[in-house]
Amino acid sequence: MKLTLLMLFALSSGMAAEAVEKSVNEAALGWTTGAVKQDAAALNRFLADDLQYAHAGGQLQNKSEYIKAVTTGPAKYESFTFTDLKIVPYGKAAVLTAFVEVKMVGREAFRVRTLQVYVEQGGQWQMAAHQSTRLGR
C-alpha cells in the first residue's frame, strides 16, 4: 500500500512539474510575442507588476519602463529564438534558463544567455525577473 501511494505521488508530482513547465514556456512565448508585436496588453499579462528586467547591456527597467520602451515608436524586435531551454519549477515559482537568438529590427542577430524567474499569481504565470548576458560569436 505504501509503495503504491509513493508511486502515485511521484507520478502526480511529475505531471504537476510538466504542467508548470508548459505554462512557463507559454508565458515566455507570450512575452516575446508581445515584445515583437508591441502588444502592451500581452506584456501586461505576462510580466509581473514588480518585474526587474536587466538587459544584456546592463540597463535595468521595471515593468512600466520596459513596456513603454518596447511599445513606443517603431518596432524594436523581429524575433526571439530559444534554444537549450530548461525550466525548473519551485512551487509557485520557476526558473527558466536558455540561449536566445535576438533579432532586432535593422540589426544583426545576437545571442544571449538568459535567466528568468516566473511566478504563479492567480493561475497566471508571469516573468518577475530577467537577466541576460550577451555572448560573443
N, C-alpha and C. Protein backbone atom coordinates (compact mmCIF):
# COMPACT_ATOMS: atom_id res chain seq x y z
N MET A 1 0.82 -1.19 0.00
CA MET A 1 0.00 0.00 0.00
C MET A 1 0.87 1.26 0.00
N LYS A 2 1.91 1.28 0.88
CA LYS A 2 2.78 2.45 0.95
C LYS A 2 3.50 2.66 -0.37
N LEU A 3 3.96 1.58 -0.98
CA LEU A 3 4.66 1.67 -2.26
C LEU A 3 3.74 2.24 -3.33
N THR A 4 2.50 1.80 -3.36
CA THR A 4 1.53 2.30 -4.33
C THR A 4 1.30 3.79 -4.14
N LEU A 5 1.16 4.24 -2.90
CA LEU A 5 0.96 5.65 -2.62
C LEU A 5 2.18 6.47 -3.03
N LEU A 6 3.37 5.97 -2.76
CA LEU A 6 4.59 6.65 -3.16
C LEU A 6 4.69 6.75 -4.68
N MET A 7 4.32 5.69 -5.38
CA MET A 7 4.36 5.72 -6.84
C MET A 7 3.34 6.72 -7.38
N LEU A 8 2.16 6.76 -6.82
CA LEU A 8 1.14 7.72 -7.24
C LEU A 8 1.58 9.15 -6.98
N PHE A 9 2.20 9.39 -5.83
CA PHE A 9 2.70 10.72 -5.50
C PHE A 9 3.78 11.14 -6.50
N ALA A 10 4.72 10.25 -6.78
CA ALA A 10 5.79 10.55 -7.72
C ALA A 10 5.24 10.84 -9.11
N LEU A 11 4.26 10.07 -9.53
CA LEU A 11 3.64 10.26 -10.83
C LEU A 11 2.91 11.59 -10.90
N SER A 12 2.14 11.91 -9.86
CA SER A 12 1.39 13.17 -9.86
C SER A 12 2.34 14.36 -9.77
N SER A 13 3.43 14.24 -9.02
CA SER A 13 4.41 15.32 -8.93
C SER A 13 5.06 15.58 -10.29
N GLY A 14 5.36 14.50 -11.01
CA GLY A 14 5.93 14.64 -12.34
C GLY A 14 4.98 15.31 -13.30
N MET A 15 3.70 14.93 -13.22
CA MET A 15 2.69 15.56 -14.09
C MET A 15 2.53 17.03 -13.72
N ALA A 16 2.57 17.35 -12.43
CA ALA A 16 2.45 18.74 -11.99
C ALA A 16 3.63 19.56 -12.51
N ALA A 17 4.84 19.00 -12.43
CA ALA A 17 6.03 19.70 -12.93
C ALA A 17 5.91 19.93 -14.43
N GLU A 18 5.43 18.94 -15.17
CA GLU A 18 5.24 19.11 -16.62
C GLU A 18 4.24 20.22 -16.92
N ALA A 19 3.17 20.32 -16.14
CA ALA A 19 2.17 21.36 -16.34
C ALA A 19 2.77 22.75 -16.07
N VAL A 20 3.60 22.86 -15.04
CA VAL A 20 4.26 24.13 -14.74
C VAL A 20 5.21 24.49 -15.87
N GLU A 21 6.01 23.53 -16.32
CA GLU A 21 6.94 23.79 -17.41
C GLU A 21 6.21 24.27 -18.65
N LYS A 22 5.10 23.64 -18.98
CA LYS A 22 4.30 24.05 -20.15
C LYS A 22 3.76 25.46 -19.97
N SER A 23 3.24 25.78 -18.79
CA SER A 23 2.68 27.10 -18.54
C SER A 23 3.74 28.19 -18.56
N VAL A 24 4.92 27.90 -18.00
CA VAL A 24 6.01 28.88 -18.01
C VAL A 24 6.51 29.09 -19.44
N ASN A 25 6.62 28.01 -20.20
CA ASN A 25 7.03 28.14 -21.60
C ASN A 25 6.03 29.01 -22.37
N GLU A 26 4.75 28.81 -22.13
CA GLU A 26 3.71 29.63 -22.78
C GLU A 26 3.85 31.10 -22.37
N ALA A 27 4.16 31.36 -21.10
CA ALA A 27 4.35 32.74 -20.64
C ALA A 27 5.57 33.37 -21.31
N ALA A 28 6.65 32.60 -21.44
CA ALA A 28 7.86 33.12 -22.09
C ALA A 28 7.57 33.45 -23.56
N LEU A 29 6.86 32.57 -24.23
CA LEU A 29 6.50 32.83 -25.63
C LEU A 29 5.51 33.99 -25.74
N GLY A 30 4.60 34.10 -24.77
CA GLY A 30 3.66 35.22 -24.76
C GLY A 30 4.37 36.56 -24.59
N TRP A 31 5.37 36.58 -23.71
CA TRP A 31 6.15 37.81 -23.51
C TRP A 31 6.91 38.17 -24.79
N THR A 32 7.61 37.21 -25.41
CA THR A 32 8.39 37.53 -26.60
C THR A 32 7.49 37.95 -27.76
N THR A 33 6.36 37.28 -27.92
CA THR A 33 5.41 37.67 -28.98
C THR A 33 4.88 39.07 -28.72
N GLY A 34 4.57 39.37 -27.47
CA GLY A 34 4.11 40.71 -27.11
C GLY A 34 5.15 41.77 -27.42
N ALA A 35 6.43 41.47 -27.15
CA ALA A 35 7.50 42.42 -27.44
C ALA A 35 7.65 42.64 -28.94
N VAL A 36 7.60 41.56 -29.72
CA VAL A 36 7.73 41.68 -31.18
C VAL A 36 6.57 42.46 -31.77
N LYS A 37 5.36 42.18 -31.32
CA LYS A 37 4.15 42.83 -31.85
C LYS A 37 3.84 44.17 -31.20
N GLN A 38 4.67 44.59 -30.24
CA GLN A 38 4.45 45.82 -29.48
C GLN A 38 3.05 45.82 -28.85
N ASP A 39 2.69 44.70 -28.28
CA ASP A 39 1.36 44.47 -27.71
C ASP A 39 1.40 44.70 -26.19
N ALA A 40 1.00 45.89 -25.76
CA ALA A 40 1.05 46.25 -24.34
C ALA A 40 0.16 45.33 -23.50
N ALA A 41 -0.99 44.93 -24.02
CA ALA A 41 -1.89 44.05 -23.25
C ALA A 41 -1.22 42.70 -22.98
N ALA A 42 -0.55 42.14 -23.98
CA ALA A 42 0.14 40.87 -23.79
C ALA A 42 1.29 41.04 -22.79
N LEU A 43 2.04 42.12 -22.92
CA LEU A 43 3.15 42.35 -22.00
C LEU A 43 2.63 42.51 -20.57
N ASN A 44 1.54 43.22 -20.39
CA ASN A 44 0.94 43.35 -19.06
C ASN A 44 0.52 42.00 -18.51
N ARG A 45 0.04 41.14 -19.36
CA ARG A 45 -0.41 39.82 -18.93
C ARG A 45 0.74 38.92 -18.50
N PHE A 46 1.85 38.96 -19.23
CA PHE A 46 2.94 38.01 -19.00
C PHE A 46 4.09 38.55 -18.15
N LEU A 47 4.02 39.82 -17.74
CA LEU A 47 5.06 40.41 -16.89
C LEU A 47 4.47 40.76 -15.54
N ALA A 48 5.15 40.37 -14.47
CA ALA A 48 4.69 40.65 -13.11
C ALA A 48 4.79 42.14 -12.82
N ASP A 49 3.92 42.62 -11.96
CA ASP A 49 3.89 44.05 -11.62
C ASP A 49 5.22 44.53 -11.03
N ASP A 50 5.93 43.67 -10.31
CA ASP A 50 7.20 44.06 -9.69
C ASP A 50 8.41 43.58 -10.50
N LEU A 51 8.23 43.45 -11.82
CA LEU A 51 9.28 42.98 -12.72
C LEU A 51 10.57 43.78 -12.55
N GLN A 52 11.69 43.06 -12.55
CA GLN A 52 13.03 43.63 -12.63
C GLN A 52 13.66 43.05 -13.89
N TYR A 53 13.83 43.89 -14.92
CA TYR A 53 14.30 43.42 -16.23
C TYR A 53 15.69 44.01 -16.48
N ALA A 54 16.71 43.15 -16.44
CA ALA A 54 18.09 43.57 -16.70
C ALA A 54 18.46 43.14 -18.11
N HIS A 55 18.72 44.12 -18.97
CA HIS A 55 19.11 43.86 -20.36
C HIS A 55 20.55 43.37 -20.42
N ALA A 56 20.90 42.78 -21.55
CA ALA A 56 22.25 42.26 -21.77
C ALA A 56 23.30 43.37 -21.66
N GLY A 57 22.91 44.60 -21.96
CA GLY A 57 23.83 45.74 -21.86
C GLY A 57 23.93 46.34 -20.48
N GLY A 58 23.15 45.81 -19.52
CA GLY A 58 23.23 46.28 -18.15
C GLY A 58 22.10 47.19 -17.71
N GLN A 59 21.28 47.69 -18.65
CA GLN A 59 20.18 48.58 -18.30
C GLN A 59 19.13 47.83 -17.50
N LEU A 60 18.64 48.43 -16.42
CA LEU A 60 17.60 47.84 -15.59
C LEU A 60 16.30 48.63 -15.76
N GLN A 61 15.20 47.90 -15.97
CA GLN A 61 13.89 48.54 -16.12
C GLN A 61 12.86 47.82 -15.26
N ASN A 62 11.86 48.58 -14.81
CA ASN A 62 10.71 47.97 -14.16
C ASN A 62 9.67 47.69 -15.24
N LYS A 63 8.53 47.18 -14.84
CA LYS A 63 7.51 46.78 -15.82
C LYS A 63 7.05 47.94 -16.69
N SER A 64 6.68 49.04 -16.09
CA SER A 64 6.15 50.15 -16.89
C SER A 64 7.22 50.73 -17.82
N GLU A 65 8.47 50.81 -17.35
CA GLU A 65 9.55 51.31 -18.19
C GLU A 65 9.79 50.37 -19.38
N TYR A 66 9.78 49.07 -19.11
CA TYR A 66 10.01 48.10 -20.18
C TYR A 66 8.90 48.16 -21.22
N ILE A 67 7.65 48.14 -20.77
CA ILE A 67 6.52 48.17 -21.71
C ILE A 67 6.54 49.45 -22.53
N LYS A 68 6.81 50.58 -21.91
CA LYS A 68 6.87 51.85 -22.64
C LYS A 68 7.97 51.81 -23.70
N ALA A 69 9.15 51.31 -23.32
CA ALA A 69 10.27 51.25 -24.26
C ALA A 69 9.99 50.34 -25.44
N VAL A 70 9.31 49.22 -25.19
CA VAL A 70 9.06 48.24 -26.25
C VAL A 70 7.90 48.65 -27.15
N THR A 71 6.92 49.35 -26.62
CA THR A 71 5.71 49.65 -27.40
C THR A 71 5.69 51.05 -28.00
N THR A 72 6.63 51.90 -27.64
CA THR A 72 6.66 53.27 -28.16
C THR A 72 7.56 53.34 -29.38
N GLY A 73 7.08 54.03 -30.41
CA GLY A 73 7.88 54.22 -31.61
C GLY A 73 7.88 53.00 -32.51
N PRO A 74 8.82 53.00 -33.46
CA PRO A 74 8.89 51.86 -34.39
C PRO A 74 9.25 50.56 -33.67
N ALA A 75 8.92 49.46 -34.31
CA ALA A 75 9.21 48.13 -33.73
C ALA A 75 10.70 48.00 -33.44
N LYS A 76 11.01 47.34 -32.33
CA LYS A 76 12.39 47.12 -31.94
C LYS A 76 12.87 45.70 -32.22
N TYR A 77 11.97 44.73 -32.06
CA TYR A 77 12.35 43.32 -32.17
C TYR A 77 11.67 42.66 -33.36
N GLU A 78 12.41 41.79 -34.05
CA GLU A 78 11.85 40.95 -35.11
C GLU A 78 11.52 39.56 -34.57
N SER A 79 12.42 39.03 -33.71
CA SER A 79 12.19 37.67 -33.20
C SER A 79 13.10 37.36 -32.02
N PHE A 80 12.66 36.36 -31.26
CA PHE A 80 13.44 35.75 -30.19
C PHE A 80 13.37 34.24 -30.44
N THR A 81 14.51 33.58 -30.50
CA THR A 81 14.52 32.14 -30.72
C THR A 81 15.26 31.47 -29.56
N PHE A 82 14.52 30.68 -28.78
CA PHE A 82 15.07 29.99 -27.62
C PHE A 82 15.70 28.65 -28.03
N THR A 83 16.86 28.34 -27.47
CA THR A 83 17.46 27.03 -27.60
C THR A 83 17.99 26.61 -26.23
N ASP A 84 18.19 25.32 -26.06
CA ASP A 84 18.68 24.75 -24.80
C ASP A 84 17.85 25.26 -23.62
N LEU A 85 16.55 25.31 -23.82
CA LEU A 85 15.61 25.84 -22.83
C LEU A 85 15.40 24.82 -21.71
N LYS A 86 15.54 25.29 -20.48
CA LYS A 86 15.28 24.45 -19.30
C LYS A 86 14.41 25.25 -18.34
N ILE A 87 13.40 24.59 -17.80
CA ILE A 87 12.51 25.21 -16.82
C ILE A 87 12.47 24.30 -15.60
N VAL A 88 12.79 24.88 -14.45
CA VAL A 88 12.79 24.12 -13.20
C VAL A 88 11.76 24.73 -12.25
N PRO A 89 10.69 23.99 -11.93
CA PRO A 89 9.66 24.51 -11.03
C PRO A 89 10.09 24.45 -9.57
N TYR A 90 9.64 25.45 -8.81
CA TYR A 90 9.85 25.52 -7.36
C TYR A 90 8.53 25.99 -6.74
N GLY A 91 7.54 25.12 -6.70
CA GLY A 91 6.25 25.51 -6.15
C GLY A 91 5.56 26.52 -7.05
N LYS A 92 5.30 27.71 -6.53
CA LYS A 92 4.64 28.76 -7.30
C LYS A 92 5.65 29.68 -7.99
N ALA A 93 6.87 29.19 -8.14
CA ALA A 93 7.92 29.91 -8.86
C ALA A 93 8.62 28.90 -9.78
N ALA A 94 9.29 29.43 -10.79
CA ALA A 94 10.05 28.57 -11.70
C ALA A 94 11.20 29.39 -12.29
N VAL A 95 12.30 28.72 -12.56
CA VAL A 95 13.46 29.36 -13.17
C VAL A 95 13.62 28.82 -14.58
N LEU A 96 13.74 29.73 -15.53
CA LEU A 96 13.95 29.39 -16.93
C LEU A 96 15.37 29.81 -17.29
N THR A 97 16.12 28.91 -17.91
CA THR A 97 17.42 29.25 -18.47
C THR A 97 17.41 28.83 -19.93
N ALA A 98 18.13 29.59 -20.76
CA ALA A 98 18.17 29.28 -22.19
C ALA A 98 19.20 30.16 -22.88
N PHE A 99 19.52 29.77 -24.08
CA PHE A 99 20.19 30.66 -25.02
C PHE A 99 19.07 31.28 -25.85
N VAL A 100 19.24 32.54 -26.22
CA VAL A 100 18.23 33.22 -27.03
C VAL A 100 18.93 33.96 -28.16
N GLU A 101 18.49 33.69 -29.36
CA GLU A 101 18.92 34.44 -30.54
C GLU A 101 17.96 35.62 -30.65
N VAL A 102 18.48 36.84 -30.48
CA VAL A 102 17.65 38.05 -30.50
C VAL A 102 17.88 38.75 -31.83
N LYS A 103 16.81 39.00 -32.55
CA LYS A 103 16.90 39.72 -33.82
C LYS A 103 16.15 41.03 -33.64
N MET A 104 16.90 42.13 -33.68
CA MET A 104 16.31 43.46 -33.59
C MET A 104 16.17 44.02 -35.00
N VAL A 105 15.20 44.88 -35.18
CA VAL A 105 14.93 45.47 -36.49
C VAL A 105 16.16 46.24 -36.99
N GLY A 106 16.58 45.93 -38.22
CA GLY A 106 17.69 46.63 -38.85
C GLY A 106 19.06 46.32 -38.29
N ARG A 107 19.18 45.29 -37.48
CA ARG A 107 20.47 44.93 -36.89
C ARG A 107 20.73 43.45 -37.08
N GLU A 108 21.99 43.08 -36.93
CA GLU A 108 22.32 41.66 -36.97
C GLU A 108 21.84 40.99 -35.70
N ALA A 109 21.47 39.73 -35.81
CA ALA A 109 21.04 38.98 -34.64
C ALA A 109 22.23 38.80 -33.69
N PHE A 110 21.93 38.67 -32.41
CA PHE A 110 22.95 38.37 -31.43
C PHE A 110 22.40 37.34 -30.45
N ARG A 111 23.32 36.68 -29.76
CA ARG A 111 22.94 35.58 -28.87
C ARG A 111 23.17 35.99 -27.42
N VAL A 112 22.22 35.65 -26.57
CA VAL A 112 22.36 35.89 -25.14
C VAL A 112 22.11 34.60 -24.37
N ARG A 113 22.63 34.56 -23.17
CA ARG A 113 22.29 33.52 -22.19
C ARG A 113 21.34 34.22 -21.22
N THR A 114 20.19 33.63 -20.99
CA THR A 114 19.20 34.29 -20.15
C THR A 114 18.82 33.44 -18.95
N LEU A 115 18.50 34.12 -17.88
CA LEU A 115 17.95 33.51 -16.68
C LEU A 115 16.71 34.33 -16.33
N GLN A 116 15.58 33.66 -16.23
CA GLN A 116 14.32 34.33 -15.94
C GLN A 116 13.62 33.63 -14.79
N VAL A 117 12.98 34.41 -13.95
CA VAL A 117 12.21 33.87 -12.83
C VAL A 117 10.74 34.16 -13.10
N TYR A 118 9.93 33.12 -13.03
CA TYR A 118 8.48 33.24 -13.22
C TYR A 118 7.77 32.91 -11.92
N VAL A 119 6.66 33.58 -11.68
CA VAL A 119 5.84 33.33 -10.50
C VAL A 119 4.40 33.11 -10.95
N GLU A 120 3.70 32.26 -10.20
CA GLU A 120 2.29 32.00 -10.49
C GLU A 120 1.46 32.84 -9.54
N GLN A 121 0.60 33.66 -10.13
CA GLN A 121 -0.26 34.54 -9.35
C GLN A 121 -1.67 34.44 -9.94
N GLY A 122 -2.59 33.93 -9.15
CA GLY A 122 -3.96 33.83 -9.60
C GLY A 122 -4.14 32.95 -10.82
N GLY A 123 -3.35 31.89 -10.92
CA GLY A 123 -3.47 30.97 -12.05
C GLY A 123 -2.72 31.41 -13.29
N GLN A 124 -2.04 32.55 -13.25
CA GLN A 124 -1.30 33.09 -14.40
C GLN A 124 0.20 33.12 -14.08
N TRP A 125 1.01 32.54 -14.96
CA TRP A 125 2.46 32.61 -14.80
C TRP A 125 2.97 33.88 -15.44
N GLN A 126 3.81 34.61 -14.69
CA GLN A 126 4.36 35.88 -15.16
C GLN A 126 5.85 35.96 -14.86
N MET A 127 6.59 36.64 -15.73
CA MET A 127 8.01 36.85 -15.51
C MET A 127 8.18 37.93 -14.44
N ALA A 128 8.94 37.61 -13.38
CA ALA A 128 9.20 38.56 -12.30
C ALA A 128 10.62 39.12 -12.37
N ALA A 129 11.53 38.37 -12.99
CA ALA A 129 12.91 38.82 -13.11
C ALA A 129 13.53 38.27 -14.39
N HIS A 130 14.37 39.09 -14.99
CA HIS A 130 15.03 38.73 -16.25
C HIS A 130 16.46 39.24 -16.20
N GLN A 131 17.40 38.41 -16.60
CA GLN A 131 18.80 38.79 -16.70
C GLN A 131 19.38 38.11 -17.92
N SER A 132 20.04 38.89 -18.78
CA SER A 132 20.69 38.32 -19.96
C SER A 132 22.14 38.74 -20.01
N THR A 133 22.95 37.89 -20.59
CA THR A 133 24.36 38.19 -20.85
C THR A 133 24.60 37.95 -22.32
N ARG A 134 25.08 38.97 -22.98
CA ARG A 134 25.37 38.85 -24.42
C ARG A 134 26.61 37.99 -24.63
N LEU A 135 26.52 37.09 -25.60
CA LEU A 135 27.62 36.18 -25.90
C LEU A 135 28.30 36.59 -27.19
N GLY A 136 29.60 36.36 -27.26
CA GLY A 136 30.33 36.64 -28.49
C GLY A 136 30.04 35.58 -29.54
N ARG A 137 30.29 35.90 -30.75
CA ARG A 137 30.04 34.96 -31.85
C ARG A 137 31.28 34.23 -32.21
